Amino acid sequence: MKSFLILLTAVFIGTQVHSEQSKEAPPDIAKLKEGFKRPADVPYLPENAYSKEREILGKYLFFDPRLSGSNSISCATCHNPSFAWGDGLAKGVGHGHKQLGRKTPTILNSAWVEKMMWDGRFTHLEGQALGPIGSEAEMNMVMGDLAKKIKNIKGYQDLFKAAYPGEEISNDVIARALAVYERGVISGKSPFDKWIDGDESAITENAKKGFVLFNTKANCVACHSGWRFTDDSFQDIGIKDDDIGRGKFLKLTSQQHAFKTPGLRSITLRMPYMHNGQEKDLSQVIEFYNRGGDAKRESHSDMVKPLNLSSQEKKDLEEFLKTLTGGDKPVELPVLPR
């Protein structure tokens, strides 16, 4: 009996030591970094392959307010390069200067996205491009008139022939050209990317600590994974709001009040935050997640729970998030066809 107790004690002590060592063991930074490397190529649909002519045409269309019913709203009105391809507002503004129901999402890195919009109602860019144009609340264009209107602009005729030879100017071709341009809207290399590539001086020591927190205690990586910092999932994160998001299309309990996880690239240029713009800056976002959200519903994601971050940990996490901005090239505005 005495021998058994000695053995049991030894096992208990050994287990405690192993447990303490596991808690203190630092994460493998190199392994964590592997999950955030940028891809080498941009994906285009086989049926709408990239060409320089299509990119040029798409750019003209993207910045052309004549795609709207009022001739005053372009895609770029809400997706402004100066605001990381958003608009800097808590909620978008549409036709007649009326406020929309949600914040304008960025189009950065959308080439990799399959379900578009906060509620995922469109499939890839080619499917989404015409949505805001035809929306009465947004660009208010009568879709039956769109192709005719663009076709009557002489300067566009040669551009369409070069981009889509043998095809008539149609709503579908307009959407495809817009999608080719938008697929090329990619965030430039930031200080974080330089660090990933091996430059240890690219970000601060506090930012490096924030990266570890992002992947461990704060568990941001549960949804904000990969080089775009999103897994493209839809979650109810606990925002007090009557908007049920994806729940309008999917009657699943988990999708009520669920919204798309946004990517975090160029995040400091995209204030305010959340689908309704309720958080004014990054520190408020971190506080929101630190308390585990505000609304506790049946649909509330089990990945969102109180984090118990210290004051310094919050600062380190914010310092890391700031390293995701930078490297974006200025966009030269086109002179529109006449």
C-alpha atoms as a PDB file:
ATOM      1  CA  MET A   1       0.000   0.000   0.000  1.00  0.00           C
ATOM      2  CA  LYS A   2       2.818   2.382   0.920  1.00  0.00           C
ATOM      3  CA  SER A   3       4.566   1.671  -2.417  1.00  0.00           C
ATOM      4  CA  PHE A   4       1.333   2.370  -4.282  1.00  0.00           C
ATOM      5  CA  LEU A   5       0.897   5.738  -2.520  1.00  0.00           C
ATOM      6  CA  ILE A   6       4.495   6.708  -3.327  1.00  0.00           C
ATOM      7  CA  LEU A   7       3.921   5.780  -6.983  1.00  0.00           C
ATOM      8  CA  LEU A   8       0.623   7.686  -7.080  1.00  0.00           C
ATOM      9  CA  THR A   9       2.270  10.762  -5.559  1.00  0.00           C
ATOM     10  CA  ALA A  10       5.091  10.601  -8.111  1.00  0.00           C
ATOM     11  CA  VAL A  11       2.615  10.356 -10.965  1.00  0.00           C
ATOM     12  CA  PHE A  12       0.631  13.300  -9.568  1.00  0.00           C
ATOM     13  CA  ILE A  13       3.737  15.463  -9.165  1.00  0.00           C
ATOM     14  CA  GLY A  14       4.982  14.459 -12.614  1.00  0.00           C
ATOM     15  CA  THR A  15       1.634  15.357 -14.139  1.00  0.00           C
ATOM     16  CA  GLN A  16       1.691  18.745 -12.414  1.00  0.00           C
ATOM     17  CA  VAL A  17       5.220  19.470 -13.624  1.00  0.00           C
ATOM     18  CA  HIS A  18       4.297  18.454 -17.176  1.00  0.00           C
ATOM     19  CA  SER A  19       1.156  20.624 -16.992  1.00  0.00           C
ATOM     20  CA  GLU A  20       3.144  23.634 -15.778  1.00  0.00           C
ATOM     21  CA  GLN A  21       5.760  23.105 -18.464  1.00  0.00           C
ATOM     22  CA  SER A  22       3.021  22.911 -21.117  1.00  0.00           C
ATOM     23  CA  LYS A  23       1.550  26.208 -19.904  1.00  0.00           C
ATOM     24  CA  GLU A  24       4.928  27.890 -19.983  1.00  0.00           C
ATOM     25  CA  ALA A  25       6.081  26.390 -23.286  1.00  0.00           C
ATOM     26  CA  PRO A  26       6.246  29.217 -25.827  1.00  0.00           C
ATOM     27  CA  PRO A  27       4.297  28.751 -29.060  1.00  0.00           C
ATOM     28  CA  ASP A  28       6.188  27.823 -32.202  1.00  0.00           C
ATOM     29  CA  ILE A  29       6.227  31.254 -33.896  1.00  0.00           C
ATOM     30  CA  ALA A  30       7.640  29.899 -37.139  1.00  0.00           C
ATOM     31  CA  LYS A  31       4.792  27.407 -37.377  1.00  0.00           C
ATOM     32  CA  LEU A  32       2.193  30.069 -36.595  1.00  0.00           C
ATOM     33  CA  LYS A  33       3.643  32.336 -39.285  1.00  0.00           C
ATOM     34  CA  GLU A  34       3.265  29.659 -41.952  1.00  0.00           C
ATOM     35  CA  GLY A  35      -0.499  30.060 -41.901  1.00  0.00           C
ATOM     36  CA  PHE A  36      -0.314  33.711 -42.971  1.00  0.00           C
ATOM     37  CA  LYS A  37       1.820  33.602 -46.105  1.00  0.00           C
ATOM     38  CA  ARG A  38       0.413  35.418 -49.106  1.00  0.00           C
ATOM     39  CA  PRO A  39      -0.568  33.375 -52.191  1.00  0.00           C
ATOM     40  CA  ALA A  40       1.466  33.724 -55.371  1.00  0.00           C
ATOM     41  CA  ASP A  41      -1.445  34.083 -57.810  1.00  0.00           C
ATOM     42  CA  VAL A  42      -4.825  35.801 -58.037  1.00  0.00           C
ATOM     43  CA  PRO A  43      -7.764  33.479 -58.858  1.00  0.00           C
ATOM     44  CA  TYR A  44      -9.966  34.318 -61.850  1.00  0.00           C
ATOM     45  CA  LEU A  45     -12.909  32.298 -63.112  1.00  0.00           C
ATOM     46  CA  PRO A  46     -12.060  30.188 -66.201  1.00  0.00           C
ATOM     47  CA  GLU A  47     -15.077  31.641 -68.002  1.00  0.00           C
ATOM     48  CA  ASN A  48     -13.939  35.191 -67.174  1.00  0.00           C
ATOM     49  CA  ALA A  49     -10.170  34.978 -67.407  1.00  0.00           C
ATOM     50  CA  TYR A  50      -7.918  37.963 -66.839  1.00  0.00           C
ATOM     51  CA  SER A  51      -6.768  40.213 -69.648  1.00  0.00           C
ATOM     52  CA  LYS A  52      -5.379  43.732 -69.535  1.00  0.00           C
ATOM     53  CA  GLU A  53      -8.231  44.906 -71.749  1.00  0.00           C
ATOM     54  CA  ARG A  54     -10.815  43.520 -69.331  1.00  0.00           C
ATOM     55  CA  GLU A  55      -9.093  45.141 -66.364  1.00  0.00           C
ATOM     56  CA  ILE A  56      -9.056  48.522 -68.124  1.00  0.00           C
ATOM     57  CA  LEU A  57     -12.724  48.267 -69.082  1.00  0.00           C
ATOM     58  CA  GLY A  58     -13.661  47.173 -65.573  1.00  0.00           C
ATOM     59  CA  LYS A  59     -11.825  50.115 -64.048  1.00  0.00           C
ATOM     60  CA  TYR A  60     -13.676  52.618 -66.248  1.00  0.00           C
ATOM     61  CA  LEU A  61     -16.997  51.043 -65.297  1.00  0.00           C
ATOM     62  CA  PHE A  62     -16.103  50.925 -61.596  1.00  0.00           C
ATOM     63  CA  PHE A  63     -15.482  54.676 -61.457  1.00  0.00           C
ATOM     64  CA  ASP A  64     -18.329  55.678 -63.787  1.00  0.00           C
ATOM     65  CA  PRO A  65     -21.369  57.261 -62.066  1.00  0.00           C
ATOM     66  CA  ARG A  66     -23.414  56.691 -65.221  1.00  0.00           C
ATOM     67  CA  LEU A  67     -23.977  53.139 -64.016  1.00  0.00           C
ATOM     68  CA  SER A  68     -26.442  54.650 -61.536  1.00  0.00           C
ATOM     69  CA  GLY A  69     -29.925  55.941 -62.213  1.00  0.00           C
ATOM     70  CA  SER A  70     -29.012  59.430 -61.029  1.00  0.00           C
ATOM     71  CA  ASN A  71     -25.657  59.541 -62.888  1.00  0.00           C
ATOM     72  CA  SER A  72     -24.080  60.555 -59.588  1.00  0.00           C
ATOM     73  CA  ILE A  73     -23.131  57.300 -57.816  1.00  0.00           C
ATOM     74  CA  SER A  74     -20.363  54.968 -58.982  1.00  0.00           C
ATOM     75  CA  CYS A  75     -19.090  51.764 -57.417  1.00  0.00           C
ATOM     76  CA  ALA A  76     -16.148  53.847 -56.191  1.00  0.00           C
ATOM     77  CA  THR A  77     -18.473  56.233 -54.350  1.00  0.00           C
ATOM     78  CA  CYS A  78     -18.914  53.596 -51.660  1.00  0.00           C
ATOM     79  CA  HIS A  79     -15.721  51.611 -52.365  1.00  0.00           C
ATOM     80  CA  ASN A  80     -13.203  54.437 -52.203  1.00  0.00           C
ATOM     81  CA  PRO A  81      -9.495  53.520 -52.489  1.00  0.00           C
ATOM     82  CA  SER A  82      -8.687  56.204 -49.898  1.00  0.00           C
ATOM     83  CA  PHE A  83     -10.708  54.321 -47.268  1.00  0.00           C
ATOM     84  CA  ALA A  84      -9.269  50.884 -48.076  1.00  0.00           C
ATOM     85  CA  TRP A  85     -12.064  50.448 -50.632  1.00  0.00           C
ATOM     86  CA  GLY A  86     -14.832  51.293 -48.168  1.00  0.00           C
ATOM     87  CA  ASP A  87     -16.411  54.670 -47.408  1.00  0.00           C
ATOM     88  CA  GLY A  88     -15.341  55.496 -43.848  1.00  0.00           C
ATOM     89  CA  LEU A  89     -18.948  55.656 -42.653  1.00  0.00           C
ATOM     90  CA  ALA A  90     -20.754  53.680 -39.969  1.00  0.00           C
ATOM     91  CA  LYS A  91     -23.419  52.827 -42.525  1.00  0.00           C
ATOM     92  CA  GLY A  92     -23.401  53.324 -46.272  1.00  0.00           C
ATOM     93  CA  VAL A  93     -25.275  56.084 -48.097  1.00  0.00           C
ATOM     94  CA  GLY A  94     -27.249  55.266 -51.224  1.00  0.00           C
ATOM     95  CA  HIS A  95     -29.663  56.802 -53.691  1.00  0.00           C
ATOM     96  CA  GLY A  96     -31.104  60.138 -52.587  1.00  0.00           C
ATOM     97  CA  HIS A  97     -28.427  60.423 -49.890  1.00  0.00           C
ATOM     98  CA  LYS A  98     -30.382  57.993 -47.705  1.00  0.00           C
ATOM     99  CA  GLN A  99     -28.534  55.950 -45.098  1.00  0.00           C
ATOM    100  CA  LEU A 100     -28.394  52.216 -45.732  1.00  0.00           C
ATOM    101  CA  GLY A 101     -28.831  49.512 -43.116  1.00  0.00           C
ATOM    102  CA  ARG A 102     -25.236  48.297 -42.896  1.00  0.00           C
ATOM    103  CA  LYS A 103     -21.645  49.415 -43.167  1.00  0.00           C
ATOM    104  CA  THR A 104     -20.124  49.265 -46.658  1.00  0.00           C
ATOM    105  CA  PRO A 105     -17.766  46.257 -46.779  1.00  0.00           C
ATOM    106  CA  THR A 106     -14.354  46.628 -48.404  1.00  0.00           C
ATOM    107  CA  ILE A 107     -13.705  44.887 -51.714  1.00  0.00           C
ATOM    108  CA  LEU A 108     -10.060  44.260 -50.805  1.00  0.00           C
ATOM    109  CA  ASN A 109      -8.951  40.718 -51.626  1.00  0.00           C
ATOM    110  CA  SER A 110     -12.427  39.740 -52.839  1.00  0.00           C
ATOM    111  CA  ALA A 111     -10.963  37.492 -55.529  1.00  0.00           C
ATOM    112  CA  TRP A 112     -10.707  34.754 -52.894  1.00  0.00           C
ATOM    113  CA  VAL A 113     -14.248  35.205 -51.567  1.00  0.00           C
ATOM    114  CA  GLU A 114     -17.112  32.928 -52.592  1.00  0.00           C
ATOM    115  CA  LYS A 115     -19.978  34.377 -50.584  1.00  0.00           C
ATOM    116  CA  MET A 116     -20.251  38.148 -50.877  1.00  0.00           C
ATOM    117  CA  MET A 117     -21.891  40.814 -48.697  1.00  0.00           C
ATOM    118  CA  TRP A 118     -22.381  40.786 -44.927  1.00  0.00           C
ATOM    119  CA  ASP A 119     -25.069  38.117 -45.285  1.00  0.00           C
ATOM    120  CA  GLY A 120     -23.450  36.061 -48.063  1.00  0.00           C
ATOM    121  CA  ARG A 121     -26.369  36.397 -50.471  1.00  0.00           C
ATOM    122  CA  PHE A 122     -24.200  36.635 -53.615  1.00  0.00           C
ATOM    123  CA  THR A 123     -21.807  34.031 -54.960  1.00  0.00           C
ATOM    124  CA  HIS A 124     -18.426  35.457 -56.086  1.00  0.00           C
ATOM    125  CA  LEU A 125     -17.820  38.845 -57.683  1.00  0.00           C
ATOM    126  CA  GLU A 126     -19.373  38.045 -61.045  1.00  0.00           C
ATOM    127  CA  GLY A 127     -22.631  37.307 -59.238  1.00  0.00           C
ATOM    128  CA  GLN A 128     -22.464  40.310 -56.940  1.00  0.00           C
ATOM    129  CA  ALA A 129     -21.408  43.101 -59.305  1.00  0.00           C
ATOM    130  CA  LEU A 130     -24.878  44.029 -60.531  1.00  0.00           C
ATOM    131  CA  GLY A 131     -26.589  43.782 -57.129  1.00  0.00           C
ATOM    132  CA  PRO A 132     -25.862  47.288 -55.838  1.00  0.00           C
ATOM    133  CA  ILE A 133     -26.317  48.797 -59.322  1.00  0.00           C
ATOM    134  CA  GLY A 134     -29.892  47.523 -59.570  1.00  0.00           C
ATOM    135  CA  SER A 135     -30.798  48.138 -55.922  1.00  0.00           C
ATOM    136  CA  GLU A 136     -33.325  50.955 -55.510  1.00  0.00           C
ATOM    137  CA  ALA A 137     -31.705  51.877 -52.213  1.00  0.00           C
ATOM    138  CA  GLU A 138     -28.167  51.965 -53.601  1.00  0.00           C
ATOM    139  CA  MET A 139     -27.451  52.952 -57.242  1.00  0.00           C
ATOM    140  CA  ASN A 140     -31.088  52.757 -58.378  1.00  0.00           C
ATOM    141  CA  MET A 141     -30.375  51.814 -61.996  1.00  0.00           C
ATOM    142  CA  VAL A 142     -33.179  50.288 -64.052  1.00  0.00           C
ATOM    143  CA  MET A 143     -31.437  47.089 -65.111  1.00  0.00           C
ATOM    144  CA  GLY A 144     -33.342  46.850 -68.375  1.00  0.00           C
ATOM    145  CA  ASP A 145     -31.767  50.157 -69.391  1.00  0.00           C
ATOM    146  CA  LEU A 146     -28.190  49.582 -68.208  1.00  0.00           C
ATOM    147  CA  ALA A 147     -26.638  47.895 -71.255  1.00  0.00           C
ATOM    148  CA  LYS A 148     -28.370  50.278 -73.670  1.00  0.00           C
ATOM    149  CA  LYS A 149     -27.157  53.274 -71.685  1.00  0.00           C
ATOM    150  CA  ILE A 150     -23.530  52.114 -71.723  1.00  0.00           C
ATOM    151  CA  LYS A 151     -23.718  51.054 -75.379  1.00  0.00           C
ATOM    152  CA  ASN A 152     -24.783  54.585 -76.336  1.00  0.00           C
ATOM    153  CA  ILE A 153     -21.545  55.998 -74.895  1.00  0.00           C
ATOM    154  CA  LYS A 154     -19.311  55.936 -77.992  1.00  0.00           C
ATOM    155  CA  GLY A 155     -16.052  55.691 -76.036  1.00  0.00           C
ATOM    156  CA  TYR A 156     -17.103  52.385 -74.509  1.00  0.00           C
ATOM    157  CA  GLN A 157     -17.723  50.566 -77.772  1.00  0.00           C
ATOM    158  CA  ASP A 158     -14.068  49.917 -78.668  1.00  0.00           C
ATOM    159  CA  LEU A 159     -13.257  49.088 -75.044  1.00  0.00           C
ATOM    160  CA  PHE A 160     -15.862  46.305 -74.995  1.00  0.00           C
ATOM    161  CA  LYS A 161     -14.731  44.982 -78.376  1.00  0.00           C
ATOM    162  CA  ALA A 162     -11.147  44.726 -77.114  1.00  0.00           C
ATOM    163  CA  ALA A 163     -12.108  43.133 -73.803  1.00  0.00           C
ATOM    164  CA  TYR A 164     -14.844  40.750 -74.961  1.00  0.00           C
ATOM    165  CA  PRO A 165     -14.496  40.364 -78.730  1.00  0.00           C
ATOM    166  CA  GLY A 166     -17.551  38.981 -80.477  1.00  0.00           C
ATOM    167  CA  GLU A 167     -19.846  39.621 -77.495  1.00  0.00           C
ATOM    168  CA  GLU A 168     -22.632  42.185 -77.371  1.00  0.00           C
ATOM    169  CA  ILE A 169     -22.609  44.785 -74.615  1.00  0.00           C
ATOM    170  CA  SER A 170     -24.938  43.315 -72.002  1.00  0.00           C
ATOM    171  CA  ASN A 171     -25.531  43.431 -68.282  1.00  0.00           C
ATOM    172  CA  ASP A 172     -23.684  40.126 -67.950  1.00  0.00           C
ATOM    173  CA  VAL A 173     -20.602  41.416 -69.771  1.00  0.00           C
ATOM    174  CA  ILE A 174     -20.651  44.607 -67.690  1.00  0.00           C
ATOM    175  CA  ALA A 175     -20.708  42.478 -64.519  1.00  0.00           C
ATOM    176  CA  ARG A 176     -17.846  40.313 -65.751  1.00  0.00           C
ATOM    177  CA  ALA A 177     -15.674  43.333 -66.586  1.00  0.00           C
ATOM    178  CA  LEU A 178     -16.312  44.851 -63.157  1.00  0.00           C
ATOM    179  CA  ALA A 179     -15.397  41.545 -61.539  1.00  0.00           C
ATOM    180  CA  VAL A 180     -12.078  41.316 -63.398  1.00  0.00           C
ATOM    181  CA  TYR A 181     -11.115  44.763 -62.133  1.00  0.00           C
ATOM    182  CA  GLU A 182     -12.259  44.075 -58.581  1.00  0.00           C
ATOM    183  CA  ARG A 183     -10.351  40.786 -58.441  1.00  0.00           C
ATOM    184  CA  GLY A 184      -7.193  42.825 -58.909  1.00  0.00           C
ATOM    185  CA  VAL A 185      -7.900  44.999 -55.862  1.00  0.00           C
ATOM    186  CA  ILE A 186      -5.431  43.377 -53.485  1.00  0.00           C
ATOM    187  CA  SER A 187      -3.892  44.742 -50.304  1.00  0.00           C
ATOM    188  CA  GLY A 188      -0.202  45.565 -50.689  1.00  0.00           C
ATOM    189  CA  LYS A 189       2.579  44.114 -48.570  1.00  0.00           C
ATOM    190  CA  SER A 190       2.367  45.486 -45.051  1.00  0.00           C
ATOM    191  CA  PRO A 191       4.947  45.501 -42.225  1.00  0.00           C
ATOM    192  CA  PHE A 192       3.412  42.197 -41.114  1.00  0.00           C
ATOM    193  CA  ASP A 193       4.172  40.616 -44.498  1.00  0.00           C
ATOM    194  CA  LYS A 194       7.769  41.792 -44.306  1.00  0.00           C
ATOM    195  CA  TRP A 195       8.025  40.151 -40.900  1.00  0.00           C
ATOM    196  CA  ILE A 196       6.509  36.956 -42.289  1.00  0.00           C
ATOM    197  CA  ASP A 197       9.177  37.075 -45.017  1.00  0.00           C
ATOM    198  CA  GLY A 198      11.932  37.198 -42.407  1.00  0.00           C
ATOM    199  CA  ASP A 199      12.549  40.869 -41.584  1.00  0.00           C
ATOM    200  CA  GLU A 200      12.517  40.837 -37.767  1.00  0.00           C
ATOM    201  CA  SER A 201      12.792  44.628 -37.621  1.00  0.00           C
ATOM    202  CA  ALA A 202       9.591  45.149 -39.650  1.00  0.00           C
ATOM    203  CA  ILE A 203       7.332  45.144 -36.577  1.00  0.00           C
ATOM    204  CA  THR A 204       7.843  45.930 -32.901  1.00  0.00           C
ATOM    205  CA  GLU A 205       8.323  43.451 -30.081  1.00  0.00           C
ATOM    206  CA  ASN A 206       4.917  44.428 -28.704  1.00  0.00           C
ATOM    207  CA  ALA A 207       3.335  43.667 -32.084  1.00  0.00           C
ATOM    208  CA  LYS A 208       5.008  40.251 -32.039  1.00  0.00           C
ATOM    209  CA  LYS A 209       3.495  39.618 -28.614  1.00  0.00           C
ATOM    210  CA  GLY A 210       0.158  40.734 -30.048  1.00  0.00           C
ATOM    211  CA  PHE A 211       0.532  38.194 -32.857  1.00  0.00           C
ATOM    212  CA  VAL A 212       1.000  35.436 -30.291  1.00  0.00           C
ATOM    213  CA  LEU A 213      -2.063  36.637 -28.370  1.00  0.00           C
ATOM    214  CA  PHE A 214      -4.034  36.743 -31.637  1.00  0.00           C
ATOM    215  CA  ASN A 215      -3.243  33.056 -32.118  1.00  0.00           C
ATOM    216  CA  THR A 216      -3.546  31.886 -28.507  1.00  0.00           C
ATOM    217  CA  LYS A 217      -5.271  33.563 -25.571  1.00  0.00           C
ATOM    218  CA  ALA A 218      -7.369  36.038 -27.584  1.00  0.00           C
ATOM    219  CA  ASN A 219      -8.183  33.274 -30.117  1.00  0.00           C
ATOM    220  CA  CYS A 220      -8.933  35.786 -32.888  1.00  0.00           C
ATOM    221  CA  VAL A 221      -7.506  33.213 -35.298  1.00  0.00           C
ATOM    222  CA  ALA A 222     -10.549  31.000 -34.754  1.00  0.00           C
ATOM    223  CA  CYS A 223     -12.313  33.124 -37.377  1.00  0.00           C
ATOM    224  CA  HIS A 224      -9.637  35.540 -38.644  1.00  0.00           C
ATOM    225  CA  SER A 225      -7.319  32.950 -40.160  1.00  0.00           C
ATOM    226  CA  GLY A 226      -5.136  32.808 -43.267  1.00  0.00           C
ATOM    227  CA  TRP A 227      -3.344  35.625 -45.073  1.00  0.00           C
ATOM    228  CA  ARG A 228      -6.599  37.603 -45.505  1.00  0.00           C
ATOM    229  CA  PHE A 229      -7.367  37.110 -41.805  1.00  0.00           C
ATOM    230  CA  THR A 230     -10.798  35.599 -42.374  1.00  0.00           C
ATOM    231  CA  ASP A 231     -12.209  32.111 -42.754  1.00  0.00           C
ATOM    232  CA  ASP A 232     -15.235  33.599 -44.586  1.00  0.00           C
ATOM    233  CA  SER A 233     -17.596  32.115 -42.011  1.00  0.00           C
ATOM    234  CA  PHE A 234     -20.763  33.705 -40.614  1.00  0.00           C
ATOM    235  CA  GLN A 235     -21.063  34.194 -36.855  1.00  0.00           C
ATOM    236  CA  ASP A 236     -23.334  35.812 -34.308  1.00  0.00           C
ATOM    237  CA  ILE A 237     -20.689  37.638 -32.277  1.00  0.00           C
ATOM    238  CA  GLY A 238     -23.156  39.201 -29.858  1.00  0.00           C
ATOM    239  CA  ILE A 239     -24.043  42.613 -31.286  1.00  0.00           C
ATOM    240  CA  LYS A 240     -27.267  44.096 -29.928  1.00  0.00           C
ATOM    241  CA  ASP A 241     -29.125  44.635 -33.187  1.00  0.00           C
ATOM    242  CA  ASP A 242     -32.450  43.623 -34.724  1.00  0.00           C
ATOM    243  CA  ASP A 243     -30.729  42.810 -38.035  1.00  0.00           C
ATOM    244  CA  ILE A 244     -30.704  39.003 -38.345  1.00  0.00           C
ATOM    245  CA  GLY A 245     -28.097  38.953 -41.135  1.00  0.00           C
ATOM    246  CA  ARG A 246     -27.685  35.562 -42.779  1.00  0.00           C
ATOM    247  CA  GLY A 247     -30.653  34.327 -40.806  1.00  0.00           C
ATOM    248  CA  LYS A 248     -32.874  35.917 -43.453  1.00  0.00           C
ATOM    249  CA  PHE A 249     -31.699  33.304 -45.960  1.00  0.00           C
ATOM    250  CA  LEU A 250     -30.842  30.360 -43.700  1.00  0.00           C
ATOM    251  CA  LYS A 251     -33.322  29.398 -40.999  1.00  0.00           C
ATOM    252  CA  LEU A 252     -30.637  27.594 -38.990  1.00  0.00           C
ATOM    253  CA  THR A 253     -30.402  28.743 -35.374  1.00  0.00           C
ATOM    254  CA  SER A 254     -26.658  29.310 -35.689  1.00  0.00           C
ATOM    255  CA  GLN A 255     -27.181  31.738 -38.591  1.00  0.00           C
ATOM    256  CA  GLN A 256     -29.601  34.082 -36.853  1.00  0.00           C
ATOM    257  CA  HIS A 257     -27.847  37.447 -36.334  1.00  0.00           C
ATOM    258  CA  ALA A 258     -24.818  35.939 -38.108  1.00  0.00           C
ATOM    259  CA  PHE A 259     -22.626  38.135 -40.297  1.00  0.00           C
ATOM    260  CA  LYS A 260     -19.615  37.479 -42.450  1.00  0.00           C
ATOM    261  CA  THR A 261     -16.238  37.518 -40.728  1.00  0.00           C
ATOM    262  CA  PRO A 262     -14.423  40.424 -42.406  1.00  0.00           C
ATOM    263  CA  GLY A 263     -10.768  40.243 -43.372  1.00  0.00           C
ATOM    264  CA  LEU A 264      -8.423  42.447 -41.361  1.00  0.00           C
ATOM    265  CA  ARG A 265      -6.108  43.759 -44.065  1.00  0.00           C
ATOM    266  CA  SER A 266      -5.701  47.585 -44.009  1.00  0.00           C
ATOM    267  CA  ILE A 267      -7.892  47.522 -40.908  1.00  0.00           C
ATOM    268  CA  THR A 268      -6.754  50.896 -39.536  1.00  0.00           C
ATOM    269  CA  LEU A 269      -8.177  52.623 -42.642  1.00  0.00           C
ATOM    270  CA  ARG A 270     -11.585  51.021 -42.243  1.00  0.00           C
ATOM    271  CA  MET A 271     -13.046  52.655 -39.138  1.00  0.00           C
ATOM    272  CA  PRO A 272     -15.689  52.411 -37.764  1.00  0.00           C
ATOM    273  CA  TYR A 273     -16.142  48.656 -37.332  1.00  0.00           C
ATOM    274  CA  MET A 274     -18.759  45.875 -37.275  1.00  0.00           C
ATOM    275  CA  HIS A 275     -21.629  45.418 -39.735  1.00  0.00           C
ATOM    276  CA  ASN A 276     -23.465  48.360 -38.171  1.00  0.00           C
ATOM    277  CA  GLY A 277     -20.403  50.537 -37.545  1.00  0.00           C
ATOM    278  CA  GLN A 278     -20.967  50.607 -33.790  1.00  0.00           C
ATOM    279  CA  GLU A 279     -17.308  50.408 -32.703  1.00  0.00           C
ATOM    280  CA  LYS A 280     -15.379  53.590 -33.473  1.00  0.00           C
ATOM    281  CA  ASP A 281     -11.797  52.307 -33.211  1.00  0.00           C
ATOM    282  CA  LEU A 282      -9.708  49.185 -32.694  1.00  0.00           C
ATOM    283  CA  SER A 283      -9.514  49.615 -28.933  1.00  0.00           C
ATOM    284  CA  GLN A 284     -13.324  49.487 -28.757  1.00  0.00           C
ATOM    285  CA  VAL A 285     -13.375  46.360 -30.932  1.00  0.00           C
ATOM    286  CA  ILE A 286     -10.900  44.656 -28.601  1.00  0.00           C
ATOM    287  CA  GLU A 287     -12.965  45.653 -25.564  1.00  0.00           C
ATOM    288  CA  PHE A 288     -16.080  44.242 -27.256  1.00  0.00           C
ATOM    289  CA  TYR A 289     -14.440  40.858 -27.769  1.00  0.00           C
ATOM    290  CA  ASN A 290     -12.766  40.959 -24.364  1.00  0.00           C
ATOM    291  CA  ARG A 291     -16.183  41.025 -22.687  1.00  0.00           C
ATOM    292  CA  GLY A 292     -17.473  38.291 -25.005  1.00  0.00           C
ATOM    293  CA  GLY A 293     -19.930  40.439 -26.938  1.00  0.00           C
ATOM    294  CA  ASP A 294     -23.064  42.132 -25.626  1.00  0.00           C
ATOM    295  CA  ALA A 295     -26.070  40.057 -26.715  1.00  0.00           C
ATOM    296  CA  LYS A 296     -26.373  36.489 -25.453  1.00  0.00           C
ATOM    297  CA  ARG A 297     -28.720  34.611 -27.787  1.00  0.00           C
ATOM    298  CA  GLU A 298     -29.194  30.978 -28.679  1.00  0.00           C
ATOM    299  CA  SER A 299     -27.328  31.720 -31.912  1.00  0.00           C
ATOM    300  CA  HIS A 300     -24.362  33.308 -30.121  1.00  0.00           C
ATOM    301  CA  SER A 301     -21.094  31.811 -31.399  1.00  0.00           C
ATOM    302  CA  ASP A 302     -19.340  29.603 -28.863  1.00  0.00           C
ATOM    303  CA  MET A 303     -16.050  31.037 -30.133  1.00  0.00           C
ATOM    304  CA  VAL A 304     -16.908  34.443 -28.697  1.00  0.00           C
ATOM    305  CA  LYS A 305     -16.439  34.427 -24.927  1.00  0.00           C
ATOM    306  CA  PRO A 306     -14.781  36.676 -22.304  1.00  0.00           C
ATOM    307  CA  LEU A 307     -11.010  36.779 -22.842  1.00  0.00           C
ATOM    308  CA  ASN A 308      -9.743  38.342 -19.603  1.00  0.00           C
ATOM    309  CA  LEU A 309      -6.997  40.243 -21.407  1.00  0.00           C
ATOM    310  CA  SER A 310      -4.815  42.525 -19.322  1.00  0.00           C
ATOM    311  CA  SER A 311      -4.396  46.192 -20.187  1.00  0.00           C
ATOM    312  CA  GLN A 312      -0.977  45.503 -21.718  1.00  0.00           C
ATOM    313  CA  GLU A 313      -2.281  42.527 -23.694  1.00  0.00           C
ATOM    314  CA  LYS A 314      -4.975  44.714 -25.240  1.00  0.00           C
ATOM    315  CA  LYS A 315      -2.323  47.241 -26.274  1.00  0.00           C
ATOM    316  CA  ASP A 316      -0.115  44.508 -27.742  1.00  0.00           C
ATOM    317  CA  LEU A 317      -3.023  43.077 -29.704  1.00  0.00           C
ATOM    318  CA  GLU A 318      -3.880  46.492 -31.125  1.00  0.00           C
ATOM    319  CA  GLU A 319      -0.208  47.084 -31.971  1.00  0.00           C
ATOM    320  CA  PHE A 320      -0.214  43.859 -33.975  1.00  0.00           C
ATOM    321  CA  LEU A 321      -3.422  44.713 -35.843  1.00  0.00           C
ATOM    322  CA  LYS A 322      -1.865  47.989 -36.961  1.00  0.00           C
ATOM    323  CA  THR A 323       0.897  46.072 -38.774  1.00  0.00           C
ATOM    324  CA  LEU A 324      -1.708  44.767 -41.254  1.00  0.00           C
ATOM    325  CA  THR A 325      -1.987  48.204 -42.905  1.00  0.00           C
ATOM    326  CA  GLY A 326       0.481  49.518 -45.453  1.00  0.00           C
ATOM    327  CA  GLY A 327       1.909  48.932 -48.885  1.00  0.00           C
ATOM    328  CA  ASP A 328      -1.212  49.810 -50.880  1.00  0.00           C
ATOM    329  CA  LYS A 329      -0.410  51.733 -54.060  1.00  0.00           C
ATOM    330  CA  PRO A 330      -2.349  54.927 -54.867  1.00  0.00           C
ATOM    331  CA  VAL A 331      -4.991  54.484 -57.545  1.00  0.00           C
ATOM    332  CA  GLU A 332      -4.912  56.738 -60.585  1.00  0.00           C
ATOM    333  CA  LEU A 333      -8.443  57.854 -61.393  1.00  0.00           C
ATOM    334  CA  PRO A 334      -9.429  57.271 -65.035  1.00  0.00           C
ATOM    335  CA  VAL A 335     -10.709  59.841 -67.505  1.00  0.00           C
ATOM    336  CA  LEU A 336     -14.081  58.357 -68.365  1.00  0.00           C
ATOM    337  CA  PRO A 337     -15.111  57.458 -71.939  1.00  0.00           C
ATOM    338  CA  ARG A 338     -17.308  59.925 -73.824  1.00  0.00           C
END
